[in-house]
């Protein structure tokens, strides 16, 4: 059983309506800002590289000092304290 509303629609009217929708959509998306996206393959994200020479002790001491100054919490021995997320238990 078809609805009387379906009988009122003709193919030319549907086509004209679809073209108008596309025209409006095209006009709207032209005003949107262009977003640059970068996609990386897994092999580019984690490249393998040979180990180099160890950094000098002075560089490691400075790194440790900076790291400790920004780390969230430490235990009694001054080591980084982390907690397991509840959802991971």
PDB file of N, CA and C in Angstrom:
ATOM      1  N   UNK A   1       0.841  -1.173   0.000  1.00  0.00           N
ATOM      2  CA  UNK A   1       0.000   0.000   0.000  1.00  0.00           C
ATOM      3  C   UNK A   1       0.882   1.231   0.000  1.00  0.00           C
ATOM      4  N   UNK A   2       0.680   2.070  -0.977  1.00  0.00           N
ATOM      5  CA  UNK A   2       1.510   3.258  -0.999  1.00  0.00           C
ATOM      6  C   UNK A   2       0.743   4.448  -0.465  1.00  0.00           C
ATOM      7  N   UNK A   3       1.494   5.279   0.119  1.00  0.00           N
ATOM      8  CA  UNK A   3       0.969   6.493   0.735  1.00  0.00           C
ATOM      9  C   UNK A   3       0.680   7.504  -0.365  1.00  0.00           C
ATOM     10  N   UNK A   4      -0.308   8.343  -0.191  1.00  0.00           N
ATOM     11  CA  UNK A   4      -0.616   9.357  -1.202  1.00  0.00           C
ATOM     12  C   UNK A   4       0.526  10.356  -1.332  1.00  0.00           C
ATOM     13  N   UNK A   5       1.294  10.521  -0.278  1.00  0.00           N
ATOM     14  CA  UNK A   5       2.450  11.412  -0.312  1.00  0.00           C
ATOM     15  C   UNK A   5       3.491  10.899  -1.304  1.00  0.00           C
ATOM     16  N   UNK A   6       3.684   9.557  -1.348  1.00  0.00           N
ATOM     17  CA  UNK A   6       4.633   8.960  -2.277  1.00  0.00           C
ATOM     18  C   UNK A   6       4.208   9.184  -3.719  1.00  0.00           C
ATOM     19  N   UNK A   7       2.924   9.215  -3.966  1.00  0.00           N
ATOM     20  CA  UNK A   7       2.423   9.382  -5.325  1.00  0.00           C
ATOM     21  C   UNK A   7       2.617  10.816  -5.819  1.00  0.00           C
ATOM     22  N   UNK A   8       2.721  11.780  -4.897  1.00  0.00           N
ATOM     23  CA  UNK A   8       2.886  13.179  -5.275  1.00  0.00           C
ATOM     24  C   UNK A   8       4.318  13.482  -5.727  1.00  0.00           C
ATOM     25  N   UNK A   9       5.297  12.669  -5.327  1.00  0.00           N
ATOM     26  CA  UNK A   9       6.682  12.916  -5.685  1.00  0.00           C
ATOM     27  C   UNK A   9       6.967  12.377  -7.078  1.00  0.00           C
ATOM     28  N   UNK A  10       7.583  13.219  -7.897  1.00  0.00           N
ATOM     29  CA  UNK A  10       7.965  12.723  -9.213  1.00  0.00           C
ATOM     30  C   UNK A  10       9.484  12.740  -9.322  1.00  0.00           C
ATOM     31  N   UNK A  11      10.042  11.964 -10.199  1.00  0.00           N
ATOM     32  CA  UNK A  11      11.504  11.854 -10.314  1.00  0.00           C
ATOM     33  C   UNK A  11      12.192  13.199 -10.594  1.00  0.00           C
ATOM     34  N   UNK A  12      11.586  14.069 -11.365  1.00  0.00           N
ATOM     35  CA  UNK A  12      12.194  15.371 -11.658  1.00  0.00           C
ATOM     36  C   UNK A  12      12.296  16.221 -10.392  1.00  0.00           C
ATOM     37  N   UNK A  13      11.258  16.178  -9.564  1.00  0.00           N
ATOM     38  CA  UNK A  13      11.266  16.949  -8.313  1.00  0.00           C
ATOM     39  C   UNK A  13      12.316  16.405  -7.354  1.00  0.00           C
ATOM     40  N   UNK A  14      12.447  15.091  -7.280  1.00  0.00           N
ATOM     41  CA  UNK A  14      13.462  14.465  -6.418  1.00  0.00           C
ATOM     42  C   UNK A  14      14.857  14.853  -6.898  1.00  0.00           C
ATOM     43  N   UNK A  15      15.086  14.820  -8.197  1.00  0.00           N
ATOM     44  CA  UNK A  15      16.388  15.175  -8.751  1.00  0.00           C
ATOM     45  C   UNK A  15      16.708  16.647  -8.476  1.00  0.00           C
ATOM     46  N   UNK A  16      15.728  17.543  -8.678  1.00  0.00           N
ATOM     47  CA  UNK A  16      15.943  18.961  -8.426  1.00  0.00           C
ATOM     48  C   UNK A  16      16.256  19.195  -6.946  1.00  0.00           C
ATOM     49  N   UNK A  17      15.554  18.511  -6.073  1.00  0.00           N
ATOM     50  CA  UNK A  17      15.787  18.650  -4.634  1.00  0.00           C
ATOM     51  C   UNK A  17      17.182  18.149  -4.252  1.00  0.00           C
ATOM     52  N   UNK A  18      17.593  17.029  -4.804  1.00  0.00           N
ATOM     53  CA  UNK A  18      18.920  16.473  -4.515  1.00  0.00           C
ATOM     54  C   UNK A  18      20.019  17.417  -5.006  1.00  0.00           C
ATOM     55  N   UNK A  19      19.838  18.009  -6.186  1.00  0.00           N
ATOM     56  CA  UNK A  19      20.830  18.949  -6.710  1.00  0.00           C
ATOM     57  C   UNK A  19      20.921  20.191  -5.827  1.00  0.00           C
ATOM     58  N   UNK A  20      19.803  20.669  -5.324  1.00  0.00           N
ATOM     59  CA  UNK A  20      19.806  21.832  -4.431  1.00  0.00           C
ATOM     60  C   UNK A  20      20.533  21.504  -3.129  1.00  0.00           C
ATOM     61  N   UNK A  21      20.306  20.316  -2.591  1.00  0.00           N
ATOM     62  CA  UNK A  21      21.002  19.887  -1.371  1.00  0.00           C
ATOM     63  C   UNK A  21      22.507  19.861  -1.618  1.00  0.00           C
ATOM     64  N   UNK A  22      22.931  19.329  -2.739  1.00  0.00           N
ATOM     65  CA  UNK A  22      24.359  19.270  -3.059  1.00  0.00           C
ATOM     66  C   UNK A  22      24.952  20.664  -3.236  1.00  0.00           C
ATOM     67  N   UNK A  23      24.208  21.575  -3.883  1.00  0.00           N
ATOM     68  CA  UNK A  23      24.704  22.946  -4.050  1.00  0.00           C
ATOM     69  C   UNK A  23      24.909  23.627  -2.698  1.00  0.00           C
ATOM     70  N   UNK A  24      23.931  23.485  -1.810  1.00  0.00           N
ATOM     71  CA  UNK A  24      24.036  24.107  -0.489  1.00  0.00           C
ATOM     72  C   UNK A  24      25.181  23.475   0.294  1.00  0.00           C
ATOM     73  N   UNK A  25      25.290  22.159   0.259  1.00  0.00           N
ATOM     74  CA  UNK A  25      26.362  21.464   0.969  1.00  0.00           C
ATOM     75  C   UNK A  25      27.727  21.918   0.462  1.00  0.00           C
ATOM     76  N   UNK A  26      27.887  22.019  -0.850  1.00  0.00           N
ATOM     77  CA  UNK A  26      29.154  22.452  -1.433  1.00  0.00           C
ATOM     78  C   UNK A  26      29.503  23.868  -0.985  1.00  0.00           C
ATOM     79  N   UNK A  27      28.518  24.750  -0.962  1.00  0.00           N
ATOM     80  CA  UNK A  27      28.751  26.133  -0.543  1.00  0.00           C
ATOM     81  C   UNK A  27      29.162  26.185   0.929  1.00  0.00           C
ATOM     82  N   UNK A  28      28.545  25.357   1.763  1.00  0.00           N
ATOM     83  CA  UNK A  28      28.859  25.352   3.192  1.00  0.00           C
ATOM     84  C   UNK A  28      30.259  24.807   3.447  1.00  0.00           C
ATOM     85  N   UNK A  29      30.638  23.722   2.808  1.00  0.00           N
ATOM     86  CA  UNK A  29      31.954  23.139   3.086  1.00  0.00           C
ATOM     87  C   UNK A  29      33.102  23.987   2.537  1.00  0.00           C
ATOM     88  N   UNK A  30      32.836  24.833   1.565  1.00  0.00           N
ATOM     89  CA  UNK A  30      33.890  25.717   1.058  1.00  0.00           C
ATOM     90  C   UNK A  30      34.336  26.716   2.120  1.00  0.00           C
ATOM     91  N   UNK A  31      33.437  27.052   3.047  1.00  0.00           N
ATOM     92  CA  UNK A  31      33.777  28.036   4.077  1.00  0.00           C
ATOM     93  C   UNK A  31      34.477  27.405   5.289  1.00  0.00           C
ATOM     94  N   UNK A  32      34.560  26.089   5.336  1.00  0.00           N
ATOM     95  CA  UNK A  32      35.226  25.426   6.460  1.00  0.00           C
ATOM     96  C   UNK A  32      36.741  25.549   6.323  1.00  0.00           C
ATOM     97  N   UNK A  33      37.451  25.654   7.443  1.00  0.00           N
ATOM     98  CA  UNK A  33      38.915  25.729   7.362  1.00  0.00           C
ATOM     99  C   UNK A  33      39.501  24.400   6.901  1.00  0.00           C
ATOM    100  N   UNK A  34      40.619  24.491   6.211  1.00  0.00           N
ATOM    101  CA  UNK A  34      41.300  23.285   5.725  1.00  0.00           C
ATOM    102  C   UNK A  34      42.146  22.729   6.860  1.00  0.00           C
ATOM    103  N   UNK A  35      41.999  21.464   7.143  1.00  0.00           N
ATOM    104  CA  UNK A  35      42.761  20.799   8.193  1.00  0.00           C
ATOM    105  C   UNK A  35      43.824  19.928   7.535  1.00  0.00           C
ATOM    106  N   UNK A  36      45.043  20.108   7.956  1.00  0.00           N
ATOM    107  CA  UNK A  36      46.127  19.267   7.470  1.00  0.00           C
ATOM    108  C   UNK A  36      46.242  18.065   8.404  1.00  0.00           C
ATOM    109  N   UNK A  37      46.228  16.888   7.846  1.00  0.00           N
ATOM    110  CA  UNK A  37      46.357  15.677   8.645  1.00  0.00           C
ATOM    111  C   UNK A  37      47.572  14.894   8.173  1.00  0.00           C
ATOM    112  N   UNK A  38      48.225  14.277   9.108  1.00  0.00           N
ATOM    113  CA  UNK A  38      49.383  13.464   8.782  1.00  0.00           C
ATOM    114  C   UNK A  38      49.143  12.058   9.305  1.00  0.00           C
ATOM    115  N   UNK A  39      49.359  11.108   8.467  1.00  0.00           N
ATOM    116  CA  UNK A  39      49.199   9.713   8.854  1.00  0.00           C
ATOM    117  C   UNK A  39      50.565   9.042   8.789  1.00  0.00           C
ATOM    118  N   UNK A  40      50.864   8.263   9.790  1.00  0.00           N
ATOM    119  CA  UNK A  40      52.153   7.584   9.838  1.00  0.00           C
ATOM    120  C   UNK A  40      51.931   6.082   9.812  1.00  0.00           C
ATOM    121  N   UNK A  41      52.746   5.411   9.049  1.00  0.00           N
ATOM    122  CA  UNK A  41      52.738   3.964   9.096  1.00  0.00           C
ATOM    123  C   UNK A  41      53.452   3.501  10.349  1.00  0.00           C
ATOM    124  N   UNK A  42      53.119   2.331  10.817  1.00  0.00           N
ATOM    125  CA  UNK A  42      53.719   1.824  12.056  1.00  0.00           C
ATOM    126  C   UNK A  42      55.236   1.784  11.975  1.00  0.00           C
ATOM    127  N   UNK A  43      55.772   1.452  10.811  1.00  0.00           N
ATOM    128  CA  UNK A  43      57.217   1.352  10.706  1.00  0.00           C
ATOM    129  C   UNK A  43      57.894   2.721  10.820  1.00  0.00           C
ATOM    130  N   UNK A  44      57.154   3.803  10.579  1.00  0.00           N
ATOM    131  CA  UNK A  44      57.731   5.136  10.709  1.00  0.00           C
ATOM    132  C   UNK A  44      57.613   5.676  12.129  1.00  0.00           C
ATOM    133  N   UNK A  45      56.632   5.199  12.882  1.00  0.00           N
ATOM    134  CA  UNK A  45      56.424   5.686  14.235  1.00  0.00           C
ATOM    135  C   UNK A  45      57.493   5.152  15.172  1.00  0.00           C
ATOM    136  N   UNK A  46      57.872   3.901  15.014  1.00  0.00           N
ATOM    137  CA  UNK A  46      58.853   3.270  15.890  1.00  0.00           C
ATOM    138  C   UNK A  46      60.044   2.779  15.071  1.00  0.00           C
ATOM    139  N   UNK A  47      60.836   3.697  14.554  1.00  0.00           N
ATOM    140  CA  UNK A  47      61.965   3.238  13.736  1.00  0.00           C
ATOM    141  C   UNK A  47      63.030   2.566  14.597  1.00  0.00           C
ATOM    142  N   UNK A  48      63.645   1.578  14.050  1.00  0.00           N
ATOM    143  CA  UNK A  48      64.756   0.921  14.737  1.00  0.00           C
ATOM    144  C   UNK A  48      66.028   1.663  14.380  1.00  0.00           C
ATOM    145  N   UNK A  49      66.859   1.877  15.330  1.00  0.00           N
ATOM    146  CA  UNK A  49      68.119   2.546  15.064  1.00  0.00           C
ATOM    147  C   UNK A  49      69.190   1.891  15.927  1.00  0.00           C
ATOM    148  N   UNK A  50      70.399   1.923  15.462  1.00  0.00           N
ATOM    149  CA  UNK A  50      71.462   1.321  16.261  1.00  0.00           C
ATOM    150  C   UNK A  50      71.740   2.185  17.500  1.00  0.00           C
ATOM    151  N   UNK A  51      72.140   1.529  18.565  1.00  0.00           N
ATOM    152  CA  UNK A  51      72.516   2.258  19.771  1.00  0.00           C
ATOM    153  C   UNK A  51      73.775   3.055  19.504  1.00  0.00           C
ATOM    154  N   UNK A  52      73.811   4.257  20.058  1.00  0.00           N
ATOM    155  CA  UNK A  52      74.992   5.106  19.913  1.00  0.00           C
ATOM    156  C   UNK A  52      75.805   5.064  21.194  1.00  0.00           C
ATOM    157  N   UNK A  53      76.696   5.974  21.287  1.00  0.00           N
ATOM    158  CA  UNK A  53      77.511   6.087  22.490  1.00  0.00           C
ATOM    159  C   UNK A  53      76.642   6.588  23.642  1.00  0.00           C
ATOM    160  N   UNK A  54      76.884   6.116  24.863  1.00  0.00           N
ATOM    161  CA  UNK A  54      76.119   6.617  26.009  1.00  0.00           C
ATOM    162  C   UNK A  54      76.376   8.104  26.218  1.00  0.00           C
ATOM    163  N   UNK A  55      75.358   8.768  26.745  1.00  0.00           N
ATOM    164  CA  UNK A  55      75.522  10.203  27.013  1.00  0.00           C
ATOM    165  C   UNK A  55      76.480  10.383  28.184  1.00  0.00           C
ATOM    166  N   UNK A  56      77.128  11.526  28.255  1.00  0.00           N
ATOM    167  CA  UNK A  56      78.062  11.780  29.355  1.00  0.00           C
ATOM    168  C   UNK A  56      77.320  11.850  30.697  1.00  0.00           C
ATOM    169  N   UNK A  57      77.983  11.506  31.787  1.00  0.00           N
ATOM    170  CA  UNK A  57      77.341  11.537  33.110  1.00  0.00           C
ATOM    171  C   UNK A  57      76.736  12.892  33.461  1.00  0.00           C
ATOM    172  N   UNK A  58      77.359  13.981  33.033  1.00  0.00           N
ATOM    173  CA  UNK A  58      76.814  15.303  33.350  1.00  0.00           C
ATOM    174  C   UNK A  58      75.449  15.510  32.696  1.00  0.00           C
ATOM    175  N   UNK A  59      75.269  15.015  31.465  1.00  0.00           N
ATOM    176  CA  UNK A  59      73.984  15.133  30.764  1.00  0.00           C
ATOM    177  C   UNK A  59      72.932  14.282  31.471  1.00  0.00           C
ATOM    178  N   UNK A  60      73.311  13.066  31.892  1.00  0.00           N
ATOM    179  CA  UNK A  60      72.371  12.190  32.602  1.00  0.00           C
ATOM    180  C   UNK A  60      71.969  12.790  33.944  1.00  0.00           C
ATOM    181  N   UNK A  61      72.906  13.406  34.652  1.00  0.00           N
ATOM    182  CA  UNK A  61      72.586  14.051  35.939  1.00  0.00           C
ATOM    183  C   UNK A  61      71.604  15.204  35.735  1.00  0.00           C
ATOM    184  N   UNK A  62      71.843  15.998  34.706  1.00  0.00           N
ATOM    185  CA  UNK A  62      70.951  17.133  34.419  1.00  0.00           C
ATOM    186  C   UNK A  62      69.551  16.634  34.041  1.00  0.00           C
ATOM    187  N   UNK A  63      69.504  15.576  33.229  1.00  0.00           N
ATOM    188  CA  UNK A  63      68.212  15.000  32.859  1.00  0.00           C
ATOM    189  C   UNK A  63      67.474  14.512  34.101  1.00  0.00           C
ATOM    190  N   UNK A  64      68.169  13.795  34.971  1.00  0.00           N
ATOM    191  CA  UNK A  64      67.553  13.271  36.191  1.00  0.00           C
ATOM    192  C   UNK A  64      67.016  14.410  37.064  1.00  0.00           C
ATOM    193  N   UNK A  65      67.807  15.477  37.178  1.00  0.00           N
ATOM    194  CA  UNK A  65      67.391  16.614  37.990  1.00  0.00           C
ATOM    195  C   UNK A  65      66.106  17.240  37.413  1.00  0.00           C
ATOM    196  N   UNK A  66      66.067  17.424  36.110  1.00  0.00           N
ATOM    197  CA  UNK A  66      64.869  17.985  35.463  1.00  0.00           C
ATOM    198  C   UNK A  66      63.679  17.049  35.588  1.00  0.00           C
ATOM    199  N   UNK A  67      63.922  15.749  35.398  1.00  0.00           N
ATOM    200  CA  UNK A  67      62.842  14.765  35.485  1.00  0.00           C
ATOM    201  C   UNK A  67      62.242  14.754  36.888  1.00  0.00           C
ATOM    202  N   UNK A  68      63.083  14.717  37.899  1.00  0.00           N
ATOM    203  CA  UNK A  68      62.606  14.686  39.280  1.00  0.00           C
ATOM    204  C   UNK A  68      61.830  15.960  39.622  1.00  0.00           C
ATOM    205  N   UNK A  69      62.223  17.076  39.046  1.00  0.00           N
ATOM    206  CA  UNK A  69      61.521  18.327  39.352  1.00  0.00           C
ATOM    207  C   UNK A  69      60.098  18.355  38.795  1.00  0.00           C
ATOM    208  N   UNK A  70      59.802  17.559  37.760  1.00  0.00           N
ATOM    209  CA  UNK A  70      58.460  17.577  37.188  1.00  0.00           C
ATOM    210  C   UNK A  70      57.676  16.294  37.419  1.00  0.00           C
ATOM    211  N   UNK A  71      58.287  15.273  38.019  1.00  0.00           N
ATOM    212  CA  UNK A  71      57.558  14.020  38.200  1.00  0.00           C
ATOM    213  C   UNK A  71      56.454  14.200  39.243  1.00  0.00           C
ATOM    214  N   UNK A  72      55.344  13.477  39.068  1.00  0.00           N
ATOM    215  CA  UNK A  72      54.184  13.701  39.913  1.00  0.00           C
ATOM    216  C   UNK A  72      54.351  13.287  41.378  1.00  0.00           C
ATOM    217  N   UNK A  73      55.001  12.188  41.646  1.00  0.00           N
ATOM    218  CA  UNK A  73      55.134  11.716  43.030  1.00  0.00           C
ATOM    219  C   UNK A  73      56.350  10.819  43.151  1.00  0.00           C
ATOM    220  N   UNK A  74      56.899  10.756  44.374  1.00  0.00           N
ATOM    221  CA  UNK A  74      58.046   9.882  44.595  1.00  0.00           C
ATOM    222  C   UNK A  74      57.861   9.135  45.912  1.00  0.00           C
ATOM    223  N   UNK A  75      58.571   8.005  46.031  1.00  0.00           N
ATOM    224  CA  UNK A  75      58.491   7.236  47.271  1.00  0.00           C
ATOM    225  C   UNK A  75      59.558   7.743  48.250  1.00  0.00           C
ATOM    226  N   UNK A  76      59.743   7.019  49.360  1.00  0.00           N
ATOM    227  CA  UNK A  76      60.701   7.440  50.381  1.00  0.00           C
ATOM    228  C   UNK A  76      62.145   7.440  49.882  1.00  0.00           C
ATOM    229  N   UNK A  77      62.427   6.606  48.863  1.00  0.00           N
ATOM    230  CA  UNK A  77      63.786   6.541  48.312  1.00  0.00           C
ATOM    231  C   UNK A  77      64.008   7.554  47.189  1.00  0.00           C
ATOM    232  N   UNK A  78      62.985   8.367  46.867  1.00  0.00           N
ATOM    233  CA  UNK A  78      63.112   9.359  45.798  1.00  0.00           C
ATOM    234  C   UNK A  78      62.859   8.799  44.419  1.00  0.00           C
ATOM    235  N   UNK A  79      62.304   7.589  44.331  1.00  0.00           N
ATOM    236  CA  UNK A  79      62.019   6.973  43.036  1.00  0.00           C
ATOM    237  C   UNK A  79      60.596   7.311  42.608  1.00  0.00           C
ATOM    238  N   UNK A  80      60.376   7.330  41.301  1.00  0.00           N
ATOM    239  CA  UNK A  80      59.074   7.653  40.734  1.00  0.00           C
ATOM    240  C   UNK A  80      58.018   6.688  41.255  1.00  0.00           C
ATOM    241  N   UNK A  81      56.925   7.240  41.767  1.00  0.00           N
ATOM    242  CA  UNK A  81      55.833   6.407  42.259  1.00  0.00           C
ATOM    243  C   UNK A  81      54.684   6.507  41.261  1.00  0.00           C
ATOM    244  N   UNK A  82      54.217   5.358  40.824  1.00  0.00           N
ATOM    245  CA  UNK A  82      53.088   5.307  39.893  1.00  0.00           C
ATOM    246  C   UNK A  82      52.037   4.388  40.487  1.00  0.00           C
ATOM    247  N   UNK A  83      50.812   4.571  40.043  1.00  0.00           N
ATOM    248  CA  UNK A  83      49.779   3.653  40.504  1.00  0.00           C
ATOM    249  C   UNK A  83      49.086   3.050  39.301  1.00  0.00           C
ATOM    250  N   UNK A  84      48.623   1.843  39.461  1.00  0.00           N
ATOM    251  CA  UNK A  84      47.943   1.137  38.396  1.00  0.00           C
ATOM    252  C   UNK A  84      46.538   1.705  38.271  1.00  0.00           C
ATOM    253  N   UNK A  85      46.130   1.914  37.036  1.00  0.00           N
ATOM    254  CA  UNK A  85      44.775   2.413  36.818  1.00  0.00           C
ATOM    255  C   UNK A  85      43.753   1.376  37.289  1.00  0.00           C
ATOM    256  N   UNK A  86      42.682   1.850  37.852  1.00  0.00           N
ATOM    257  CA  UNK A  86      41.649   0.925  38.372  1.00  0.00           C
ATOM    258  C   UNK A  86      41.098   0.024  37.270  1.00  0.00           C
ATOM    259  N   UNK A  87      40.947   0.570  36.074  1.00  0.00           N
ATOM    260  CA  UNK A  87      40.377  -0.234  34.996  1.00  0.00           C
ATOM    261  C   UNK A  87      41.324  -1.325  34.508  1.00  0.00           C
ATOM    262  N   UNK A  88      42.605  -1.236  34.864  1.00  0.00           N
ATOM    263  CA  UNK A  88      43.584  -2.238  34.435  1.00  0.00           C
ATOM    264  C   UNK A  88      43.686  -3.411  35.387  1.00  0.00           C
ATOM    265  N   UNK A  89      43.056  -3.309  36.528  1.00  0.00           N
ATOM    266  CA  UNK A  89      43.167  -4.388  37.506  1.00  0.00           C
ATOM    267  C   UNK A  89      42.307  -5.565  37.142  1.00  0.00           C
TER     268      UNK A  89
END
